[in-house]
PDB file of N, CA and C in Angstrom:
ATOM      1  N   MET A   1     108.162  89.414  69.970  1.00  0.00           N
ATOM      2  CA  MET A   1     108.219  88.009  69.642  1.00  0.00           C
ATOM      3  C   MET A   1     106.844  87.601  69.119  1.00  0.00           C
ATOM      4  N   SER A   2     106.827  86.972  67.985  1.00  0.00           N
ATOM      5  CA  SER A   2     105.570  86.570  67.360  1.00  0.00           C
ATOM      6  C   SER A   2     105.050  85.278  67.978  1.00  0.00           C
ATOM      7  N   ALA A   3     103.801  84.983  67.666  1.00  0.00           N
ATOM      8  CA  ALA A   3     103.185  83.753  68.176  1.00  0.00           C
ATOM      9  C   ALA A   3     103.933  82.534  67.655  1.00  0.00           C
ATOM     10  N   THR A   4     104.424  82.605  66.414  1.00  0.00           N
ATOM     11  CA  THR A   4     105.181  81.499  65.832  1.00  0.00           C
ATOM     12  C   THR A   4     106.485  81.299  66.592  1.00  0.00           C
ATOM     13  N   ASP A   5     107.145  82.417  66.931  1.00  0.00           N
ATOM     14  CA  ASP A   5     108.389  82.328  67.701  1.00  0.00           C
ATOM     15  C   ASP A   5     108.138  81.682  69.061  1.00  0.00           C
ATOM     16  N   LEU A   6     107.031  82.073  69.702  1.00  0.00           N
ATOM     17  CA  LEU A   6     106.692  81.493  71.004  1.00  0.00           C
ATOM     18  C   LEU A   6     106.422  80.001  70.880  1.00  0.00           C
ATOM     19  N   ASP A   7     105.701  79.635  69.827  1.00  0.00           N
ATOM     20  CA  ASP A   7     105.417  78.213  69.607  1.00  0.00           C
ATOM     21  C   ASP A   7     106.712  77.422  69.424  1.00  0.00           C
ATOM     22  N   GLU A   8     107.646  77.984  68.639  1.00  0.00           N
ATOM     23  CA  GLU A   8     108.929  77.303  68.407  1.00  0.00           C
ATOM     24  C   GLU A   8     109.720  77.200  69.715  1.00  0.00           C
ATOM     25  N   LEU A   9     109.712  78.276  70.483  1.00  0.00           N
ATOM     26  CA  LEU A   9     110.434  78.281  71.757  1.00  0.00           C
ATOM     27  C   LEU A   9     109.830  77.257  72.716  1.00  0.00           C
ATOM     28  N   GLU A  10     108.501  77.197  72.759  1.00  0.00           N
ATOM     29  CA  GLU A  10     107.831  76.221  73.617  1.00  0.00           C
ATOM     30  C   GLU A  10     108.206  74.808  73.201  1.00  0.00           C
ATOM     31  N   SER A  11     108.269  74.572  71.890  1.00  0.00           N
ATOM     32  CA  SER A  11     108.631  73.245  71.397  1.00  0.00           C
ATOM     33  C   SER A  11     110.065  72.898  71.768  1.00  0.00           C
ATOM     34  N   GLU A  12     110.983  73.867  71.605  1.00  0.00           N
ATOM     35  CA  GLU A  12     112.391  73.636  71.908  1.00  0.00           C
ATOM     36  C   GLU A  12     112.619  73.366  73.390  1.00  0.00           C
ATOM     37  N   LEU A  13     112.002  74.186  74.230  1.00  0.00           N
ATOM     38  CA  LEU A  13     112.257  74.107  75.664  1.00  0.00           C
ATOM     39  C   LEU A  13     111.294  73.192  76.404  1.00  0.00           C
ATOM     40  N   GLY A  14     110.211  72.843  75.771  1.00  0.00           N
ATOM     41  CA  GLY A  14     109.213  72.003  76.434  1.00  0.00           C
ATOM     42  C   GLY A  14     108.488  72.764  77.535  1.00  0.00           C
ATOM     43  N   VAL A  15     108.348  74.068  77.349  1.00  0.00           N
ATOM     44  CA  VAL A  15     107.726  74.924  78.355  1.00  0.00           C
ATOM     45  C   VAL A  15     106.568  75.674  77.708  1.00  0.00           C
ATOM     46  N   SER A  16     105.451  75.708  78.405  1.00  0.00           N
ATOM     47  CA  SER A  16     104.301  76.468  77.929  1.00  0.00           C
ATOM     48  C   SER A  16     104.398  77.877  78.475  1.00  0.00           C
ATOM     49  N   SER A  17     104.616  78.846  77.592  1.00  0.00           N
ATOM     50  CA  SER A  17     104.763  80.227  78.043  1.00  0.00           C
ATOM     51  C   SER A  17     103.473  80.744  78.677  1.00  0.00           C
ATOM     52  N   GLY A  18     102.338  80.322  78.168  1.00  0.00           N
ATOM     53  CA  GLY A  18     101.062  80.750  78.743  1.00  0.00           C
ATOM     54  C   GLY A  18     100.887  80.233  80.164  1.00  0.00           C
ATOM     55  N   GLN A  19     101.197  78.978  80.352  1.00  0.00           N
ATOM     56  CA  GLN A  19     101.086  78.377  81.681  1.00  0.00           C
ATOM     57  C   GLN A  19     102.093  79.015  82.643  1.00  0.00           C
ATOM     58  N   LEU A  20     103.308  79.240  82.156  1.00  0.00           N
ATOM     59  CA  LEU A  20     104.340  79.879  82.975  1.00  0.00           C
ATOM     60  C   LEU A  20     103.890  81.285  83.388  1.00  0.00           C
ATOM     61  N   ARG A  21     103.337  82.037  82.449  1.00  0.00           N
ATOM     62  CA  ARG A  21     102.856  83.390  82.734  1.00  0.00           C
ATOM     63  C   ARG A  21     101.765  83.355  83.814  1.00  0.00           C
ATOM     64  N   GLN A  22     100.872  82.377  83.723  1.00  0.00           N
ATOM     65  CA  GLN A  22      99.803  82.249  84.717  1.00  0.00           C
ATOM     66  C   GLN A  22     100.387  82.006  86.107  1.00  0.00           C
ATOM     67  N   TYR A  23     101.365  81.132  86.200  1.00  0.00           N
ATOM     68  CA  TYR A  23     101.996  80.863  87.496  1.00  0.00           C
ATOM     69  C   TYR A  23     102.689  82.114  88.034  1.00  0.00           C
ATOM     70  N   ILE A  24     103.432  82.783  87.187  1.00  0.00           N
ATOM     71  CA  ILE A  24     104.153  83.984  87.617  1.00  0.00           C
ATOM     72  C   ILE A  24     103.180  85.054  88.092  1.00  0.00           C
ATOM     73  N   GLU A  25     102.123  85.285  87.348  1.00  0.00           N
ATOM     74  CA  GLU A  25     101.141  86.303  87.724  1.00  0.00           C
ATOM     75  C   GLU A  25     100.422  85.931  89.012  1.00  0.00           C
ATOM     76  N   LYS A  26     100.121  84.658  89.178  1.00  0.00           N
ATOM     77  CA  LYS A  26      99.468  84.211  90.409  1.00  0.00           C
ATOM     78  C   LYS A  26     100.384  84.431  91.614  1.00  0.00           C
ATOM     79  N   ILE A  27     101.649  84.080  91.452  1.00  0.00           N
ATOM     80  CA  ILE A  27     102.608  84.268  92.547  1.00  0.00           C
ATOM     81  C   ILE A  27     102.763  85.747  92.866  1.00  0.00           C
ATOM     82  N   GLU A  28     102.827  86.582  91.842  1.00  0.00           N
ATOM     83  CA  GLU A  28     102.929  88.034  92.074  1.00  0.00           C
ATOM     84  C   GLU A  28     101.728  88.548  92.855  1.00  0.00           C
ATOM     85  N   LYS A  29     100.543  88.075  92.499  1.00  0.00           N
ATOM     86  CA  LYS A  29      99.328  88.499  93.202  1.00  0.00           C
ATOM     87  C   LYS A  29      99.363  88.032  94.657  1.00  0.00           C
ATOM     88  N   LEU A  30      99.782  86.793  94.879  1.00  0.00           N
ATOM     89  CA  LEU A  30      99.877  86.267  96.237  1.00  0.00           C
ATOM     90  C   LEU A  30     100.900  87.035  97.066  1.00  0.00           C
ATOM     91  N   GLU A  31     102.016  87.422  96.437  1.00  0.00           N
ATOM     92  CA  GLU A  31     103.035  88.225  97.133  1.00  0.00           C
ATOM     93  C   GLU A  31     102.461  89.574  97.552  1.00  0.00           C
ATOM     94  N   GLU A  32     101.660  90.189  96.689  1.00  0.00           N
ATOM     95  CA  GLU A  32     101.009  91.459  97.035  1.00  0.00           C
ATOM     96  C   GLU A  32     100.055  91.278  98.214  1.00  0.00           C
ATOM     97  N   GLU A  33      99.268  90.203  98.173  1.00  0.00           N
ATOM     98  CA  GLU A  33      98.335  89.924  99.267  1.00  0.00           C
ATOM     99  C   GLU A  33      99.089  89.668 100.565  1.00  0.00           C
ATOM    100  N   LYS A  34     100.211  88.951 100.458  1.00  0.00           N
ATOM    101  CA  LYS A  34     101.018  88.658 101.633  1.00  0.00           C
ATOM    102  C   LYS A  34     101.558  89.953 102.245  1.00  0.00           C
ATOM    103  N   ALA A  35     102.002  90.866 101.410  1.00  0.00           N
ATOM    104  CA  ALA A  35     102.513  92.144 101.897  1.00  0.00           C
ATOM    105  C   ALA A  35     101.414  92.929 102.612  1.00  0.00           C
ATOM    106  N   GLU A  36     100.208  92.893 102.064  1.00  0.00           N
ATOM    107  CA  GLU A  36      99.079  93.569 102.706  1.00  0.00           C
ATOM    108  C   GLU A  36      98.774  92.939 104.067  1.00  0.00           C
ATOM    109  N   LEU A  37      98.780  91.616 104.123  1.00  0.00           N
ATOM    110  CA  LEU A  37      98.529  90.922 105.386  1.00  0.00           C
ATOM    111  C   LEU A  37      99.614  91.232 106.408  1.00  0.00           C
ATOM    112  N   GLN A  38     100.860  91.285 105.954  1.00  0.00           N
ATOM    113  CA  GLN A  38     101.961  91.605 106.870  1.00  0.00           C
ATOM    114  C   GLN A  38     101.786  93.014 107.434  1.00  0.00           C
ATOM    115  N   GLU A  39     101.292  93.926 106.630  1.00  0.00           N
ATOM    116  CA  GLU A  39     101.041  95.285 107.101  1.00  0.00           C
ATOM    117  C   GLU A  39      99.932  95.284 108.152  1.00  0.00           C
ATOM    118  N   HIS A  40      98.905  94.467 107.944  1.00  0.00           N
ATOM    119  CA  HIS A  40      97.819  94.355 108.930  1.00  0.00           C
ATOM    120  C   HIS A  40      98.347  93.776 110.247  1.00  0.00           C
ATOM    121  N   VAL A  41      99.216  92.787 110.157  1.00  0.00           N
ATOM    122  CA  VAL A  41      99.807  92.192 111.357  1.00  0.00           C
ATOM    123  C   VAL A  41     100.620  93.246 112.096  1.00  0.00           C
ATOM    124  N   LYS A  42     101.420  93.999 111.362  1.00  0.00           N
ATOM    125  CA  LYS A  42     102.234  95.065 111.959  1.00  0.00           C
ATOM    126  C   LYS A  42     101.351  96.084 112.671  1.00  0.00           C
ATOM    127  N   GLU A  43     100.262  96.473 112.039  1.00  0.00           N
ATOM    128  CA  GLU A  43      99.331  97.426 112.646  1.00  0.00           C
ATOM    129  C   GLU A  43      98.694  96.852 113.905  1.00  0.00           C
ATOM    130  N   THR A  44      98.374  95.565 113.887  1.00  0.00           N
ATOM    131  CA  THR A  44      97.759  94.920 115.046  1.00  0.00           C
ATOM    132  C   THR A  44      98.734  94.881 116.217  1.00  0.00           C
ATOM    133  N   PHE A  45      99.999  94.573 115.927  1.00  0.00           N
ATOM    134  CA  PHE A  45     101.010  94.609 116.985  1.00  0.00           C
ATOM    135  C   PHE A  45     101.143  96.026 117.549  1.00  0.00           C
ATOM    136  N   ALA A  46     101.109  97.023 116.688  1.00  0.00           N
ATOM    137  CA  ALA A  46     101.214  98.418 117.146  1.00  0.00           C
ATOM    138  C   ALA A  46     100.033  98.777 118.045  1.00  0.00           C
ATOM    139  N   GLN A  47      98.840  98.320 117.675  1.00  0.00           N
ATOM    140  CA  GLN A  47      97.648  98.576 118.503  1.00  0.00           C
ATOM    141  C   GLN A  47      97.798  97.898 119.864  1.00  0.00           C
ATOM    142  N   ALA A  48      98.272  96.656 119.847  1.00  0.00           N
ATOM    143  CA  ALA A  48      98.448  95.918 121.102  1.00  0.00           C
ATOM    144  C   ALA A  48      99.474  96.630 121.985  1.00  0.00           C
ATOM    145  N   LYS A  49     100.545  97.112 121.381  1.00  0.00           N
ATOM    146  CA  LYS A  49     101.573  97.830 122.140  1.00  0.00           C
ATOM    147  C   LYS A  49     100.983  99.104 122.744  1.00  0.00           C
ATOM    148  N   ASN A  50     100.189  99.820 121.971  1.00  0.00           N
ATOM    149  CA  ASN A  50      99.533 101.029 122.474  1.00  0.00           C
ATOM    150  C   ASN A  50      98.585 100.730 123.627  1.00  0.00           C
ATOM    151  N   ASP A  51      98.037  99.514 123.644  1.00  0.00           N
ATOM    152  CA  ASP A  51      97.136  99.105 124.719  1.00  0.00           C
ATOM    153  C   ASP A  51      97.893  98.532 125.918  1.00  0.00           C
ATOM    154  N   GLY A  52      99.238  98.563 125.853  1.00  0.00           N
ATOM    155  CA  GLY A  52     100.037  98.157 127.001  1.00  0.00           C
ATOM    156  C   GLY A  52     100.563  96.735 126.971  1.00  0.00           C
ATOM    157  N   PHE A  53     100.372  96.026 125.889  1.00  0.00           N
ATOM    158  CA  PHE A  53     100.868  94.652 125.804  1.00  0.00           C
ATOM    159  C   PHE A  53     102.321  94.648 125.351  1.00  0.00           C
ATOM    160  N   ASP A  54     103.090  93.654 125.828  1.00  0.00           N
ATOM    161  CA  ASP A  54     104.478  93.491 125.441  1.00  0.00           C
ATOM    162  C   ASP A  54     104.524  92.676 124.146  1.00  0.00           C
ATOM    163  N   VAL A  55     104.913  93.316 123.073  1.00  0.00           N
ATOM    164  CA  VAL A  55     104.888  92.687 121.754  1.00  0.00           C
ATOM    165  C   VAL A  55     105.885  91.534 121.662  1.00  0.00           C
ATOM    166  N   LYS A  56     107.040  91.646 122.313  1.00  0.00           N
ATOM    167  CA  LYS A  56     108.016  90.550 122.293  1.00  0.00           C
ATOM    168  C   LYS A  56     107.406  89.285 122.889  1.00  0.00           C
ATOM    169  N   ILE A  57     106.694  89.454 123.989  1.00  0.00           N
ATOM    170  CA  ILE A  57     106.062  88.301 124.639  1.00  0.00           C
ATOM    171  C   ILE A  57     104.951  87.741 123.751  1.00  0.00           C
ATOM    172  N   MET A  58     104.199  88.621 123.118  1.00  0.00           N
ATOM    173  CA  MET A  58     103.140  88.161 122.210  1.00  0.00           C
ATOM    174  C   MET A  58     103.733  87.334 121.072  1.00  0.00           C
ATOM    175  N   ARG A  59     104.861  87.781 120.519  1.00  0.00           N
ATOM    176  CA  ARG A  59     105.510  87.030 119.437  1.00  0.00           C
ATOM    177  C   ARG A  59     105.984  85.667 119.938  1.00  0.00           C
ATOM    178  N   LYS A  60     106.490  85.643 121.155  1.00  0.00           N
ATOM    179  CA  LYS A  60     106.944  84.378 121.749  1.00  0.00           C
ATOM    180  C   LYS A  60     105.752  83.417 121.914  1.00  0.00           C
ATOM    181  N   ILE A  61     104.641  83.954 122.396  1.00  0.00           N
ATOM    182  CA  ILE A  61     103.425  83.133 122.563  1.00  0.00           C
ATOM    183  C   ILE A  61     102.968  82.590 121.212  1.00  0.00           C
ATOM    184  N   LEU A  62     102.984  83.431 120.201  1.00  0.00           N
ATOM    185  CA  LEU A  62     102.590  82.981 118.860  1.00  0.00           C
ATOM    186  C   LEU A  62     103.493  81.851 118.380  1.00  0.00           C
ATOM    187  N   ALA A  63     104.794  81.983 118.610  1.00  0.00           N
ATOM    188  CA  ALA A  63     105.734  80.933 118.200  1.00  0.00           C
ATOM    189  C   ALA A  63     105.460  79.642 118.966  1.00  0.00           C
ATOM    190  N   MET A  64     105.182  79.775 120.261  1.00  0.00           N
ATOM    191  CA  MET A  64     104.902  78.597 121.084  1.00  0.00           C
ATOM    192  C   MET A  64     103.631  77.894 120.620  1.00  0.00           C
ATOM    193  N   ARG A  65     102.629  78.664 120.241  1.00  0.00           N
ATOM    194  CA  ARG A  65     101.359  78.071 119.802  1.00  0.00           C
ATOM    195  C   ARG A  65     101.502  77.299 118.499  1.00  0.00           C
ATOM    196  N   LYS A  66     102.526  77.631 117.713  1.00  0.00           N
ATOM    197  CA  LYS A  66     102.749  76.928 116.447  1.00  0.00           C
ATOM    198  C   LYS A  66     103.452  75.593 116.651  1.00  0.00           C
ATOM    199  N   MET A  67     104.096  75.435 117.815  1.00  0.00           N
ATOM    200  CA  MET A  67     104.866  74.218 118.085  1.00  0.00           C
ATOM    201  C   MET A  67     103.957  73.047 118.445  1.00  0.00           C
ATOM    202  N   LYS A  68     104.469  71.864 118.173  1.00  0.00           N
ATOM    203  CA  LYS A  68     103.798  70.664 118.651  1.00  0.00           C
ATOM    204  C   LYS A  68     103.991  70.609 120.160  1.00  0.00           C
ATOM    205  N   LYS A  69     103.030  69.994 120.837  1.00  0.00           N
ATOM    206  CA  LYS A  69     103.064  69.943 122.298  1.00  0.00           C
ATOM    207  C   LYS A  69     104.373  69.337 122.805  1.00  0.00           C
ATOM    208  N   GLU A  70     104.805  68.247 122.185  1.00  0.00           N
ATOM    209  CA  GLU A  70     106.027  67.580 122.616  1.00  0.00           C
ATOM    210  C   GLU A  70     107.238  68.488 122.439  1.00  0.00           C
ATOM    211  N   GLU A  71     107.291  69.181 121.326  1.00  0.00           N
ATOM    212  CA  GLU A  71     108.402  70.091 121.046  1.00  0.00           C
ATOM    213  C   GLU A  71     108.444  71.235 122.058  1.00  0.00           C
ATOM    214  N   LEU A  72     107.285  71.760 122.385  1.00  0.00           N
ATOM    215  CA  LEU A  72     107.201  72.847 123.359  1.00  0.00           C
ATOM    216  C   LEU A  72     107.655  72.379 124.739  1.00  0.00           C
ATOM    217  N   MET A  73     107.189  71.198 125.143  1.00  0.00           N
ATOM    218  CA  MET A  73     107.577  70.662 126.448  1.00  0.00           C
ATOM    219  C   MET A  73     109.093  70.439 126.519  1.00  0.00           C
ATOM    220  N   GLU A  74     109.653  69.897 125.445  1.00  0.00           N
ATOM    221  CA  GLU A  74     111.090  69.650 125.406  1.00  0.00           C
ATOM    222  C   GLU A  74     111.865  70.970 125.508  1.00  0.00           C
ATOM    223  N   GLN A  75     111.405  71.978 124.803  1.00  0.00           N
ATOM    224  CA  GLN A  75     112.071  73.275 124.837  1.00  0.00           C
ATOM    225  C   GLN A  75     112.001  73.894 126.234  1.00  0.00           C
ATOM    226  N   GLN A  76     110.852  73.781 126.876  1.00  0.00           N
ATOM    227  CA  GLN A  76     110.704  74.324 128.227  1.00  0.00           C
ATOM    228  C   GLN A  76     111.590  73.586 129.224  1.00  0.00           C
ATOM    229  N   GLU A  77     111.678  72.270 129.071  1.00  0.00           N
ATOM    230  CA  GLU A  77     112.542  71.482 129.956  1.00  0.00           C
ATOM    231  C   GLU A  77     114.004  71.882 129.792  1.00  0.00           C
ATOM    232  N   LEU A  78     114.439  72.037 128.546  1.00  0.00           N
ATOM    233  CA  LEU A  78     115.818  72.440 128.292  1.00  0.00           C
ATOM    234  C   LEU A  78     116.090  73.847 128.828  1.00  0.00           C
ATOM    235  N   LEU A  79     115.131  74.724 128.702  1.00  0.00           N
ATOM    236  CA  LEU A  79     115.282  76.073 129.228  1.00  0.00           C
ATOM    237  C   LEU A  79     115.497  76.038 130.737  1.00  0.00           C
ATOM    238  N   GLU A  80     114.712  75.221 131.429  1.00  0.00           N
ATOM    239  CA  GLU A  80     114.859  75.078 132.879  1.00  0.00           C
ATOM    240  C   GLU A  80     116.220  74.483 133.241  1.00  0.00           C
ATOM    241  N   ILE A  81     116.647  73.453 132.516  1.00  0.00           N
ATOM    242  CA  ILE A  81     117.936  72.807 132.786  1.00  0.00           C
ATOM    243  C   ILE A  81     119.071  73.807 132.596  1.00  0.00           C
ATOM    244  N   TYR A  82     119.049  74.538 131.498  1.00  0.00           N
ATOM    245  CA  TYR A  82     120.108  75.501 131.214  1.00  0.00           C
ATOM    246  C   TYR A  82     120.105  76.624 132.249  1.00  0.00           C
ATOM    247  N   ALA A  83     118.922  77.092 132.616  1.00  0.00           N
ATOM    248  CA  ALA A  83     118.837  78.157 133.602  1.00  0.00           C
ATOM    249  C   ALA A  83     119.400  77.705 134.953  1.00  0.00           C
ATOM    250  N   LYS A  84     119.039  76.490 135.367  1.00  0.00           N
ATOM    251  CA  LYS A  84     119.573  75.945 136.623  1.00  0.00           C
ATOM    252  C   LYS A  84     121.080  75.802 136.555  1.00  0.00           C
ATOM    253  N   ALA A  85     121.599  75.354 135.403  1.00  0.00           N
ATOM    254  CA  ALA A  85     123.038  75.190 135.235  1.00  0.00           C
ATOM    255  C   ALA A  85     123.775  76.513 135.386  1.00  0.00           C
ATOM    256  N   LEU A  86     123.094  77.605 135.076  1.00  0.00           N
ATOM    257  CA  LEU A  86     123.700  78.935 135.187  1.00  0.00           C
ATOM    258  C   LEU A  86     123.359  79.604 136.508  1.00  0.00           C
ATOM    259  N   GLY A  87     122.674  78.874 137.388  1.00  0.00           N
ATOM    260  CA  GLY A  87     122.320  79.424 138.681  1.00  0.00           C
ATOM    261  C   GLY A  87     121.176  80.412 138.633  1.00  0.00           C
ATOM    262  N   MET A  88     120.408  80.328 137.587  1.00  0.00           N
ATOM    263  CA  MET A  88     119.260  81.230 137.435  1.00  0.00           C
ATOM    264  C   MET A  88     118.009  80.544 137.963  1.00  0.00           C
ATOM    265  N   VAL A  89     117.150  81.298 138.575  1.00  0.00           N
ATOM    266  CA  VAL A  89     115.878  80.751 139.062  1.00  0.00           C
ATOM    267  C   VAL A  89     114.770  81.295 138.165  1.00  0.00           C
ATOM    268  N   ILE A  90     113.994  80.373 137.620  1.00  0.00           N
ATOM    269  CA  ILE A  90     112.885  80.804 136.771  1.00  0.00           C
ATOM    270  C   ILE A  90     111.577  80.490 137.479  1.00  0.00           C
TER     271      ILE A  90
END
């Protein structure tokens, strides 16, 4: 596709191919970085497991730390209510 064709296409569609390419390339780069970070997280969990930590509990703690205080309190209260309703002691 020639530069003239791109110019005509940009005019027809109202889209800047150069700007679009920049966004796509940036997102691709960020996706690569995200994959690398996810691999580091996976390795860190593996190290923690090797050191005797329960990874399921660690993930639960991480999820709890992301919650707002009110949301966490409400969830804990509901957990206690449901457990009592089932005759479970926590």
